[in-house]
Amino acid sequence: MISNTFKVGPFTCEMTISALGHVTAEWSPRMPDRLTRKQRAQYRSGRNALVAEFAKATGLNMMIIEI
């Protein structure tokens, strides 16, 4: 299991990827209703760093699909 904690504006996100590739995100103090453009960039940066670390540690590839 690999995790990364990062700031997204006034929020903190702790994102974890299990050995099977299952991703969870815990927000503090609460999950934001919306993110500004700058906050989305902060979120993506933290998420992408975690995915890159997971890929390097496991030798696997991951694909992220945003809707």
PDB file of N, CA and C in Angstrom:
ATOM      1  N   MET A   1       0.855  -1.176   0.000  1.00  0.00           N
ATOM      2  CA  MET A   1       0.000   0.000   0.000  1.00  0.00           C
ATOM      3  C   MET A   1       0.898   1.235   0.000  1.00  0.00           C
ATOM      4  N   ILE A   2       0.543   2.182  -0.846  1.00  0.00           N
ATOM      5  CA  ILE A   2       1.296   3.424  -0.968  1.00  0.00           C
ATOM      6  C   ILE A   2       0.318   4.568  -0.737  1.00  0.00           C
ATOM      7  N   SER A   3       0.744   5.576   0.033  1.00  0.00           N
ATOM      8  CA  SER A   3      -0.142   6.715   0.260  1.00  0.00           C
ATOM      9  C   SER A   3       0.621   8.019   0.133  1.00  0.00           C
ATOM     10  N   ASN A   4      -0.146   9.069  -0.097  1.00  0.00           N
ATOM     11  CA  ASN A   4       0.404  10.415  -0.246  1.00  0.00           C
ATOM     12  C   ASN A   4      -0.601  11.372   0.378  1.00  0.00           C
ATOM     13  N   THR A   5      -0.122  12.299   1.188  1.00  0.00           N
ATOM     14  CA  THR A   5      -0.962  13.328   1.778  1.00  0.00           C
ATOM     15  C   THR A   5      -0.533  14.666   1.201  1.00  0.00           C
ATOM     16  N   PHE A   6      -1.511  15.433   0.705  1.00  0.00           N
ATOM     17  CA  PHE A   6      -1.182  16.702   0.067  1.00  0.00           C
ATOM     18  C   PHE A   6      -2.288  17.720   0.294  1.00  0.00           C
ATOM     19  N   LYS A   7      -1.922  18.998   0.186  1.00  0.00           N
ATOM     20  CA  LYS A   7      -2.860  20.097   0.371  1.00  0.00           C
ATOM     21  C   LYS A   7      -3.544  20.420  -0.946  1.00  0.00           C
ATOM     22  N   VAL A   8      -4.825  20.714  -0.841  1.00  0.00           N
ATOM     23  CA  VAL A   8      -5.624  21.178  -1.975  1.00  0.00           C
ATOM     24  C   VAL A   8      -6.378  22.398  -1.461  1.00  0.00           C
ATOM     25  N   GLY A   9      -5.798  23.582  -1.669  1.00  0.00           N
ATOM     26  CA  GLY A   9      -6.378  24.786  -1.080  1.00  0.00           C
ATOM     27  C   GLY A   9      -6.406  24.626   0.426  1.00  0.00           C
ATOM     28  N   PRO A  10      -7.566  24.888   1.058  1.00  0.00           N
ATOM     29  CA  PRO A  10      -7.664  24.766   2.521  1.00  0.00           C
ATOM     30  C   PRO A  10      -7.875  23.327   2.997  1.00  0.00           C
ATOM     31  N   PHE A  11      -7.955  22.388   2.085  1.00  0.00           N
ATOM     32  CA  PHE A  11      -8.234  20.990   2.412  1.00  0.00           C
ATOM     33  C   PHE A  11      -6.960  20.153   2.387  1.00  0.00           C
ATOM     34  N   THR A  12      -7.023  19.006   3.050  1.00  0.00           N
ATOM     35  CA  THR A  12      -5.946  18.024   3.004  1.00  0.00           C
ATOM     36  C   THR A  12      -6.530  16.735   2.451  1.00  0.00           C
ATOM     37  N   CYS A  13      -5.832  16.140   1.497  1.00  0.00           N
ATOM     38  CA  CYS A  13      -6.268  14.883   0.908  1.00  0.00           C
ATOM     39  C   CYS A  13      -5.216  13.818   1.200  1.00  0.00           C
ATOM     40  N   GLU A  14      -5.663  12.699   1.756  1.00  0.00           N
ATOM     41  CA  GLU A  14      -4.790  11.547   1.932  1.00  0.00           C
ATOM     42  C   GLU A  14      -5.276  10.471   0.978  1.00  0.00           C
ATOM     43  N   MET A  15      -4.475  10.201  -0.038  1.00  0.00           N
ATOM     44  CA  MET A  15      -4.849   9.244  -1.071  1.00  0.00           C
ATOM     45  C   MET A  15      -3.984   8.003  -0.914  1.00  0.00           C
ATOM     46  N   THR A  16      -4.627   6.845  -1.061  1.00  0.00           N
ATOM     47  CA  THR A  16      -3.947   5.568  -0.875  1.00  0.00           C
ATOM     48  C   THR A  16      -4.250   4.644  -2.047  1.00  0.00           C
ATOM     49  N   ILE A  17      -3.235   3.897  -2.480  1.00  0.00           N
ATOM     50  CA  ILE A  17      -3.416   2.858  -3.490  1.00  0.00           C
ATOM     51  C   ILE A  17      -3.018   1.537  -2.850  1.00  0.00           C
ATOM     52  N   SER A  18      -3.948   0.579  -2.853  1.00  0.00           N
ATOM     53  CA  SER A  18      -3.665  -0.742  -2.284  1.00  0.00           C
ATOM     54  C   SER A  18      -2.795  -1.541  -3.251  1.00  0.00           C
ATOM     55  N   ALA A  19      -2.326  -2.673  -2.787  1.00  0.00           N
ATOM     56  CA  ALA A  19      -1.497  -3.547  -3.624  1.00  0.00           C
ATOM     57  C   ALA A  19      -2.243  -4.009  -4.869  1.00  0.00           C
ATOM     58  N   LEU A  20      -3.581  -4.028  -4.809  1.00  0.00           N
ATOM     59  CA  LEU A  20      -4.399  -4.437  -5.956  1.00  0.00           C
ATOM     60  C   LEU A  20      -4.750  -3.270  -6.874  1.00  0.00           C
ATOM     61  N   GLY A  21      -4.314  -2.052  -6.519  1.00  0.00           N
ATOM     62  CA  GLY A  21      -4.592  -0.891  -7.351  1.00  0.00           C
ATOM     63  C   GLY A  21      -5.860  -0.147  -6.987  1.00  0.00           C
ATOM     64  N   HIS A  22      -6.482  -0.505  -5.867  1.00  0.00           N
ATOM     65  CA  HIS A  22      -7.697   0.186  -5.412  1.00  0.00           C
ATOM     66  C   HIS A  22      -7.307   1.530  -4.804  1.00  0.00           C
ATOM     67  N   VAL A  23      -7.937   2.597  -5.269  1.00  0.00           N
ATOM     68  CA  VAL A  23      -7.598   3.950  -4.826  1.00  0.00           C
ATOM     69  C   VAL A  23      -8.683   4.478  -3.891  1.00  0.00           C
ATOM     70  N   THR A  24      -8.248   5.035  -2.752  1.00  0.00           N
ATOM     71  CA  THR A  24      -9.168   5.714  -1.840  1.00  0.00           C
ATOM     72  C   THR A  24      -8.620   7.097  -1.529  1.00  0.00           C
ATOM     73  N   ALA A  25      -9.519   8.017  -1.235  1.00  0.00           N
ATOM     74  CA  ALA A  25      -9.130   9.377  -0.862  1.00  0.00           C
ATOM     75  C   ALA A  25      -9.934   9.795   0.360  1.00  0.00           C
ATOM     76  N   GLU A  26      -9.228  10.280   1.372  1.00  0.00           N
ATOM     77  CA  GLU A  26      -9.853  10.802   2.586  1.00  0.00           C
ATOM     78  C   GLU A  26      -9.554  12.291   2.640  1.00  0.00           C
ATOM     79  N   TRP A  27     -10.604  13.084   2.823  1.00  0.00           N
ATOM     80  CA  TRP A  27     -10.470  14.537   2.845  1.00  0.00           C
ATOM     81  C   TRP A  27     -10.641  15.065   4.260  1.00  0.00           C
ATOM     82  N   SER A  28      -9.910  16.121   4.570  1.00  0.00           N
ATOM     83  CA  SER A  28     -10.032  16.771   5.865  1.00  0.00           C
ATOM     84  C   SER A  28     -10.031  18.284   5.641  1.00  0.00           C
ATOM     85  N   PRO A  29     -10.840  19.064   6.308  1.00  0.00           N
ATOM     86  CA  PRO A  29     -11.800  18.671   7.332  1.00  0.00           C
ATOM     87  C   PRO A  29     -13.064  18.028   6.748  1.00  0.00           C
ATOM     88  N   ARG A  30     -13.262  18.150   5.434  1.00  0.00           N
ATOM     89  CA  ARG A  30     -14.399  17.528   4.758  1.00  0.00           C
ATOM     90  C   ARG A  30     -14.076  17.470   3.275  1.00  0.00           C
ATOM     91  N   MET A  31     -14.853  16.712   2.538  1.00  0.00           N
ATOM     92  CA  MET A  31     -14.668  16.655   1.084  1.00  0.00           C
ATOM     93  C   MET A  31     -15.192  17.954   0.480  1.00  0.00           C
ATOM     94  N   PRO A  32     -14.403  18.614  -0.359  1.00  0.00           N
ATOM     95  CA  PRO A  32     -14.867  19.881  -0.947  1.00  0.00           C
ATOM     96  C   PRO A  32     -16.038  19.659  -1.906  1.00  0.00           C
ATOM     97  N   ASP A  33     -16.928  20.634  -1.960  1.00  0.00           N
ATOM     98  CA  ASP A  33     -18.046  20.574  -2.902  1.00  0.00           C
ATOM     99  C   ASP A  33     -17.564  20.801  -4.331  1.00  0.00           C
ATOM    100  N   ARG A  34     -16.662  21.742  -4.481  1.00  0.00           N
ATOM    101  CA  ARG A  34     -16.081  22.085  -5.791  1.00  0.00           C
ATOM    102  C   ARG A  34     -14.638  22.500  -5.599  1.00  0.00           C
ATOM    103  N   LEU A  35     -13.870  22.361  -6.662  1.00  0.00           N
ATOM    104  CA  LEU A  35     -12.485  22.807  -6.647  1.00  0.00           C
ATOM    105  C   LEU A  35     -12.306  23.902  -7.683  1.00  0.00           C
ATOM    106  N   THR A  36     -11.527  24.909  -7.329  1.00  0.00           N
ATOM    107  CA  THR A  36     -11.177  25.948  -8.292  1.00  0.00           C
ATOM    108  C   THR A  36     -10.174  25.364  -9.288  1.00  0.00           C
ATOM    109  N   ARG A  37      -9.875  26.093 -10.311  1.00  0.00           N
ATOM    110  CA  ARG A  37      -8.890  25.630 -11.298  1.00  0.00           C
ATOM    111  C   ARG A  37      -7.543  25.366 -10.621  1.00  0.00           C
ATOM    112  N   LYS A  38      -7.133  26.270  -9.739  1.00  0.00           N
ATOM    113  CA  LYS A  38      -5.863  26.109  -9.026  1.00  0.00           C
ATOM    114  C   LYS A  38      -5.906  24.885  -8.112  1.00  0.00           C
ATOM    115  N   GLN A  39      -7.014  24.669  -7.425  1.00  0.00           N
ATOM    116  CA  GLN A  39      -7.155  23.513  -6.550  1.00  0.00           C
ATOM    117  C   GLN A  39      -7.173  22.205  -7.341  1.00  0.00           C
ATOM    118  N   ARG A  40      -7.802  22.212  -8.512  1.00  0.00           N
ATOM    119  CA  ARG A  40      -7.781  21.009  -9.362  1.00  0.00           C
ATOM    120  C   ARG A  40      -6.355  20.669  -9.763  1.00  0.00           C
ATOM    121  N   ALA A  41      -5.565  21.697 -10.063  1.00  0.00           N
ATOM    122  CA  ALA A  41      -4.160  21.478 -10.422  1.00  0.00           C
ATOM    123  C   ALA A  41      -3.389  20.897  -9.231  1.00  0.00           C
ATOM    124  N   GLN A  42      -3.664  21.382  -8.022  1.00  0.00           N
ATOM    125  CA  GLN A  42      -3.010  20.850  -6.828  1.00  0.00           C
ATOM    126  C   GLN A  42      -3.411  19.389  -6.604  1.00  0.00           C
ATOM    127  N   TYR A  43      -4.692  19.096  -6.768  1.00  0.00           N
ATOM    128  CA  TYR A  43      -5.185  17.727  -6.599  1.00  0.00           C
ATOM    129  C   TYR A  43      -4.528  16.790  -7.613  1.00  0.00           C
ATOM    130  N   ARG A  44      -4.513  17.192  -8.870  1.00  0.00           N
ATOM    131  CA  ARG A  44      -3.930  16.344  -9.913  1.00  0.00           C
ATOM    132  C   ARG A  44      -2.442  16.112  -9.677  1.00  0.00           C
ATOM    133  N   SER A  45      -1.747  17.135  -9.212  1.00  0.00           N
ATOM    134  CA  SER A  45      -0.323  17.006  -8.936  1.00  0.00           C
ATOM    135  C   SER A  45      -0.070  15.970  -7.840  1.00  0.00           C
ATOM    136  N   GLY A  46      -0.829  16.049  -6.750  1.00  0.00           N
ATOM    137  CA  GLY A  46      -0.688  15.081  -5.663  1.00  0.00           C
ATOM    138  C   GLY A  46      -1.068  13.683  -6.101  1.00  0.00           C
ATOM    139  N   ARG A  47      -2.173  13.578  -6.832  1.00  0.00           N
ATOM    140  CA  ARG A  47      -2.638  12.278  -7.325  1.00  0.00           C
ATOM    141  C   ARG A  47      -1.620  11.672  -8.293  1.00  0.00           C
ATOM    142  N   ASN A  48      -1.124  12.474  -9.219  1.00  0.00           N
ATOM    143  CA  ASN A  48      -0.170  11.974 -10.208  1.00  0.00           C
ATOM    144  C   ASN A  48       1.131  11.519  -9.560  1.00  0.00           C
ATOM    145  N   ALA A  49       1.561  12.223  -8.503  1.00  0.00           N
ATOM    146  CA  ALA A  49       2.776  11.813  -7.788  1.00  0.00           C
ATOM    147  C   ALA A  49       2.569  10.443  -7.153  1.00  0.00           C
ATOM    148  N   LEU A  50       1.398  10.218  -6.595  1.00  0.00           N
ATOM    149  CA  LEU A  50       1.094   8.921  -5.982  1.00  0.00           C
ATOM    150  C   LEU A  50       1.064   7.817  -7.033  1.00  0.00           C
ATOM    151  N   VAL A  51       0.420   8.072  -8.151  1.00  0.00           N
ATOM    152  CA  VAL A  51       0.341   7.078  -9.224  1.00  0.00           C
ATOM    153  C   VAL A  51       1.737   6.750  -9.762  1.00  0.00           C
ATOM    154  N   ALA A  52       2.577   7.770  -9.922  1.00  0.00           N
ATOM    155  CA  ALA A  52       3.938   7.539 -10.410  1.00  0.00           C
ATOM    156  C   ALA A  52       4.736   6.699  -9.417  1.00  0.00           C
ATOM    157  N   GLU A  53       4.565   6.975  -8.121  1.00  0.00           N
ATOM    158  CA  GLU A  53       5.259   6.197  -7.090  1.00  0.00           C
ATOM    159  C   GLU A  53       4.783   4.741  -7.096  1.00  0.00           C
ATOM    160  N   PHE A  54       3.476   4.551  -7.249  1.00  0.00           N
ATOM    161  CA  PHE A  54       2.919   3.191  -7.310  1.00  0.00           C
ATOM    162  C   PHE A  54       3.468   2.443  -8.524  1.00  0.00           C
ATOM    163  N   ALA A  55       3.478   3.091  -9.672  1.00  0.00           N
ATOM    164  CA  ALA A  55       3.967   2.459 -10.901  1.00  0.00           C
ATOM    165  C   ALA A  55       5.441   2.079 -10.770  1.00  0.00           C
ATOM    166  N   LYS A  56       6.217   2.969 -10.176  1.00  0.00           N
ATOM    167  CA  LYS A  56       7.642   2.686 -10.000  1.00  0.00           C
ATOM    168  C   LYS A  56       7.859   1.524  -9.032  1.00  0.00           C
ATOM    169  N   ALA A  57       7.083   1.497  -7.946  1.00  0.00           N
ATOM    170  CA  ALA A  57       7.245   0.448  -6.930  1.00  0.00           C
ATOM    171  C   ALA A  57       6.796  -0.920  -7.427  1.00  0.00           C
ATOM    172  N   THR A  58       5.794  -0.955  -8.283  1.00  0.00           N
ATOM    173  CA  THR A  58       5.220  -2.234  -8.712  1.00  0.00           C
ATOM    174  C   THR A  58       5.644  -2.652 -10.115  1.00  0.00           C
ATOM    175  N   GLY A  59       6.117  -1.715 -10.908  1.00  0.00           N
ATOM    176  CA  GLY A  59       6.443  -2.017 -12.300  1.00  0.00           C
ATOM    177  C   GLY A  59       5.215  -2.108 -13.177  1.00  0.00           C
ATOM    178  N   LEU A  60       4.054  -1.696 -12.646  1.00  0.00           N
ATOM    179  CA  LEU A  60       2.799  -1.742 -13.382  1.00  0.00           C
ATOM    180  C   LEU A  60       2.468  -0.392 -14.003  1.00  0.00           C
ATOM    181  N   ASN A  61       1.583  -0.394 -14.969  1.00  0.00           N
ATOM    182  CA  ASN A  61       1.083   0.830 -15.561  1.00  0.00           C
ATOM    183  C   ASN A  61      -0.316   1.099 -15.006  1.00  0.00           C
ATOM    184  N   MET A  62      -0.655   2.372 -14.874  1.00  0.00           N
ATOM    185  CA  MET A  62      -2.002   2.763 -14.440  1.00  0.00           C
ATOM    186  C   MET A  62      -2.541   3.795 -15.406  1.00  0.00           C
ATOM    187  N   MET A  63      -3.852   3.789 -15.555  1.00  0.00           N
ATOM    188  CA  MET A  63      -4.517   4.782 -16.387  1.00  0.00           C
ATOM    189  C   MET A  63      -5.524   5.514 -15.498  1.00  0.00           C
ATOM    190  N   ILE A  64      -5.562   6.823 -15.615  1.00  0.00           N
ATOM    191  CA  ILE A  64      -6.511   7.628 -14.873  1.00  0.00           C
ATOM    192  C   ILE A  64      -7.519   8.188 -15.858  1.00  0.00           C
ATOM    193  N   ILE A  65      -8.787   7.975 -15.546  1.00  0.00           N
ATOM    194  CA  ILE A  65      -9.860   8.518 -16.388  1.00  0.00           C
ATOM    195  C   ILE A  65     -10.651   9.506 -15.546  1.00  0.00           C
ATOM    196  N   GLU A  66     -10.670  10.747 -15.979  1.00  0.00           N
ATOM    197  CA  GLU A  66     -11.448  11.777 -15.289  1.00  0.00           C
ATOM    198  C   GLU A  66     -12.740  12.006 -16.032  1.00  0.00           C
ATOM    199  N   ILE A  67     -13.815  12.102 -15.289  1.00  0.00           N
ATOM    200  CA  ILE A  67     -15.106  12.368 -15.911  1.00  0.00           C
ATOM    201  C   ILE A  67     -15.562  13.760 -15.554  1.00  0.00           C
TER     202      ILE A  67
END
